[in-house]
Protein backbone atom coordinates (compact mmCIF):
# COMPACT_ATOMS: atom_id res chain seq x y z
CA MET A 1 -8.09 -4.89 19.46
CA ALA A 2 -5.23 -3.30 21.34
CA THR A 3 -2.38 -1.69 19.61
CA ILE A 4 1.17 -2.37 21.23
CA LEU A 5 4.25 -0.88 20.33
CA ALA A 6 7.47 -3.04 22.12
CA PHE A 7 10.82 -1.90 22.21
CA ALA A 8 13.72 -2.53 24.65
CA GLY A 9 16.06 0.39 26.07
CA SER A 10 19.13 -1.01 24.60
CA SER A 11 20.81 -1.05 21.20
CA ARG A 12 23.25 -4.10 22.19
CA LYS A 13 22.24 -6.97 19.29
CA GLU A 14 22.56 -9.97 21.69
CA SER A 15 20.86 -7.52 24.42
CA TYR A 16 18.99 -9.59 27.33
CA ASN A 17 15.99 -6.83 26.83
CA LYS A 18 15.56 -7.25 23.75
CA LYS A 19 15.26 -11.12 24.03
CA LEU A 20 12.96 -10.42 27.03
CA VAL A 21 10.22 -7.87 25.30
CA ARG A 22 10.05 -10.08 21.94
CA ILE A 23 8.98 -12.66 24.34
CA ALA A 24 6.22 -10.43 25.88
CA ALA A 25 5.27 -9.21 22.49
CA ALA A 26 4.64 -12.98 21.90
CA GLY A 27 2.08 -13.17 25.01
CA ALA A 28 0.37 -10.22 23.58
CA SER A 29 0.10 -10.90 20.24
CA GLU A 30 -1.17 -14.91 21.23
CA ASP A 31 -3.72 -12.79 23.31
CA GLY A 32 -5.06 -10.66 20.37
CA ALA A 33 -3.11 -7.54 20.46
CA SER A 34 -1.53 -6.16 17.55
CA VAL A 35 1.83 -5.77 18.22
CA THR A 36 4.78 -3.60 16.49
CA LEU A 37 7.76 -4.85 17.66
CA ILE A 38 10.81 -2.30 17.10
CA ASP A 39 14.54 -1.96 17.43
CA LEU A 40 15.73 1.50 18.89
CA ALA A 41 19.10 1.31 17.21
CA ASP A 42 16.94 1.70 14.32
CA TYR A 43 15.88 5.20 15.50
CA PRO A 44 19.39 6.61 16.44
CA MET A 45 18.76 10.55 17.81
CA PRO A 46 21.62 12.94 19.33
CA ILE A 47 21.20 13.48 22.93
CA PHE A 48 18.20 15.93 23.59
CA ASN A 49 19.30 19.45 23.38
CA GLN A 50 17.12 22.43 23.39
CA ASP A 51 19.64 24.78 21.27
CA LEU A 52 19.40 21.73 18.69
CA GLU A 53 15.82 21.14 19.08
CA ARG A 54 15.17 24.94 18.24
CA ASP A 55 17.68 25.50 15.71
CA GLN A 56 17.03 21.93 13.40
CA GLY A 57 13.86 20.83 14.99
CA MET A 58 12.98 17.39 16.07
CA PRO A 59 15.16 14.55 14.51
CA GLU A 60 13.63 12.69 12.02
CA ASN A 61 14.09 9.59 14.00
CA ALA A 62 12.61 11.18 16.95
CA ARG A 63 9.76 12.06 14.99
CA ALA A 64 9.14 8.47 13.65
CA PHE A 65 9.58 7.14 16.83
CA LYS A 66 7.14 9.64 18.87
CA ASN A 67 4.38 9.08 15.64
CA LEU A 68 4.85 5.43 16.76
CA LEU A 69 4.19 5.95 20.46
CA ILE A 70 1.37 8.26 19.09
CA ASP A 71 -0.48 5.70 16.80
CA HIS A 72 -0.33 2.85 19.48
CA ASP A 73 -2.74 2.32 22.47
CA ALA A 74 0.04 0.78 25.00
CA PHE A 75 3.54 -0.14 25.52
CA LEU A 76 5.64 -3.00 26.22
CA ILE A 77 9.21 -1.93 27.57
CA ALA A 78 11.99 -3.81 28.63
CA SER A 79 15.03 -1.88 30.06
CA PRO A 80 18.24 -2.63 31.08
CA GLU A 81 19.77 -1.17 34.72
CA TYR A 82 22.56 1.15 34.36
CA ASN A 83 23.93 2.20 37.85
CA SER A 84 20.40 1.55 39.54
CA ALA A 85 18.61 3.31 36.72
CA PHE A 86 17.16 2.95 33.02
CA SER A 87 19.26 3.06 30.18
CA PRO A 88 20.29 6.54 28.67
CA LEU A 89 19.07 5.08 25.45
CA LEU A 90 15.70 4.88 26.64
CA LYS A 91 15.68 8.10 28.55
CA ASN A 92 16.90 9.91 25.61
CA ALA A 93 13.71 8.29 23.20
CA ILE A 94 11.26 9.42 25.84
CA ASP A 95 12.55 13.00 26.27
CA TRP A 96 12.46 13.66 22.56
CA ALA A 97 8.94 12.24 22.22
CA SER A 98 7.83 14.48 25.06
CA ARG A 99 8.31 17.67 22.56
CA ALA A 100 5.27 19.64 21.27
CA GLU A 101 6.38 20.21 17.45
CA ILE A 102 4.09 22.65 16.61
CA GLU A 103 2.23 25.34 19.35
CA ASP A 104 -0.71 24.40 19.95
CA GLU A 105 -0.04 20.65 19.82
CA PRO A 106 -1.40 18.98 23.21
CA PRO A 107 1.36 18.38 26.37
CA LEU A 108 2.82 15.00 26.08
CA LEU A 109 0.53 13.77 23.18
CA ALA A 110 2.74 10.48 22.78
CA TYR A 111 2.26 9.71 26.19
CA ARG A 112 -1.25 10.69 28.00
CA GLY A 113 -3.99 8.27 27.98
CA LYS A 114 -1.44 5.44 27.30
CA TYR A 115 -0.60 2.02 29.13
CA ALA A 116 2.64 0.19 29.81
CA ALA A 117 3.75 -2.73 31.24
CA ILE A 118 7.61 -2.68 32.07
CA MET A 119 10.13 -5.41 32.55
CA ALA A 120 14.11 -5.80 32.73
CA ALA A 121 16.59 -8.17 32.70
CA SER A 122 20.04 -7.60 34.18
CA PRO A 123 22.93 -10.18 34.73
CA GLY A 124 22.60 -8.78 38.45
CA ALA A 125 20.71 -10.44 41.49
CA LEU A 126 18.06 -7.87 41.38
CA GLY A 127 17.00 -8.07 38.08
CA GLY A 128 17.07 -4.67 36.83
CA LEU A 129 14.49 -4.00 39.66
CA ARG A 130 16.07 -0.55 40.69
CA GLY A 131 15.62 0.76 37.35
CA LEU A 132 12.22 0.02 36.94
CA VAL A 133 11.20 2.15 40.12
CA PHE A 134 12.67 5.11 38.46
CA LEU A 135 10.83 4.07 34.80
CA ARG A 136 7.76 3.46 36.75
CA MET A 137 7.84 7.15 37.80
CA LEU A 138 8.91 8.51 34.76
CA LEU A 139 5.69 7.22 32.49
CA ALA A 140 3.31 8.05 35.39
CA ASN A 141 4.74 11.72 35.47
CA LEU A 142 4.27 11.82 31.86
CA GLY A 143 0.71 10.72 32.06
CA VAL A 144 1.01 6.79 31.30
CA THR A 145 -1.14 4.12 33.36
CA VAL A 146 1.81 1.66 34.18
CA LEU A 147 0.45 -1.68 35.26
CA PRO A 148 1.55 -2.75 38.61
CA ASN A 149 2.86 -5.93 37.28
CA GLN A 150 6.13 -6.35 36.16
CA GLN A 151 9.11 -8.57 35.49
CA ALA A 152 12.69 -8.26 36.53
CA VAL A 153 14.88 -11.19 35.40
CA ARG A 154 18.35 -11.55 37.33
CA HIS A 155 21.28 -13.69 36.19
CA ALA A 156 19.70 -12.69 32.62
CA HIS A 157 23.42 -13.93 31.41
CA ASN A 158 22.41 -17.58 32.33
CA ALA A 159 18.08 -16.81 31.42
CA PHE A 160 17.77 -17.42 27.87
CA LYS A 161 19.06 -20.19 25.10
CA ASP A 162 20.17 -19.56 22.02
CA ASN A 163 16.89 -19.26 19.91
CA GLY A 164 16.08 -16.11 22.86
CA SER A 165 13.48 -18.31 24.85
CA MET A 166 13.85 -18.18 28.64
CA ILE A 167 15.61 -21.59 29.96
CA ASP A 168 13.12 -21.40 32.99
CA GLU A 169 9.61 -21.82 31.18
CA LYS A 170 7.14 -21.05 34.40
CA GLN A 171 9.43 -17.48 33.89
CA GLU A 172 8.71 -17.39 30.78
CA SER A 173 5.44 -18.02 31.06
CA LEU A 174 5.22 -15.03 33.04
CA VAL A 175 7.01 -12.65 30.74
CA MET A 176 4.54 -13.82 28.40
CA LYS A 177 1.35 -13.42 30.72
CA LEU A 178 2.65 -9.71 31.35
CA GLY A 179 1.84 -9.13 27.28
CA SER A 180 -1.48 -10.63 27.52
CA GLN A 181 -2.27 -8.68 31.00
CA LEU A 182 -1.22 -5.45 28.83
CA ASN A 183 -3.62 -6.54 26.11
CA GLN A 184 -6.76 -7.12 28.24
CA VAL A 185 -6.87 -4.44 30.36
CA VAL A 186 -6.74 -1.89 27.28
CA SER A 187 -8.56 -3.94 25.69
CA ARG A 188 -11.16 -3.66 28.13
CA LEU A 189 -10.35 -0.15 28.96
CA THR A 190 -10.53 1.11 25.42
CA GLY A 191 -12.60 -1.17 24.07
């Protein structure tokens, strides 16, 4: 059984991307994965700074997030698009978790050999697609195998019902399928 960590690169309470990743997580869970859904708002971290790291070490919340990444086989990540890129909150969390804490720690321990499925929801016409290009590139550079399929939900302000489900049932099915595909790939490759 695959273990999957699911999170959104947004701290906004009513984030479209939190709603989106919950749907993908449900798809993975229904397919048999063990899914842990977290909120990055519960892991506040200072902006990455090597002076801070040298003087104080890795912040407790960064360490907790890194350990969650290490303890899971794969990630479901949803990110809003800010000025054609993924969110600074997500970038900062990824950066902190990329750091080695002890001298003999393997490089990029939290990422190497992991798998991910990425998605975005945005009020814009492209649905966060431009930000996913950069997120895919970053994750691949860190050693994460990113599934070729992804989801970009456009006009997100009109895409979700009050209960968090999607108005377009076909689109919701595709998002759930992304979660189940991640589980199937990871289960086959690590089983």
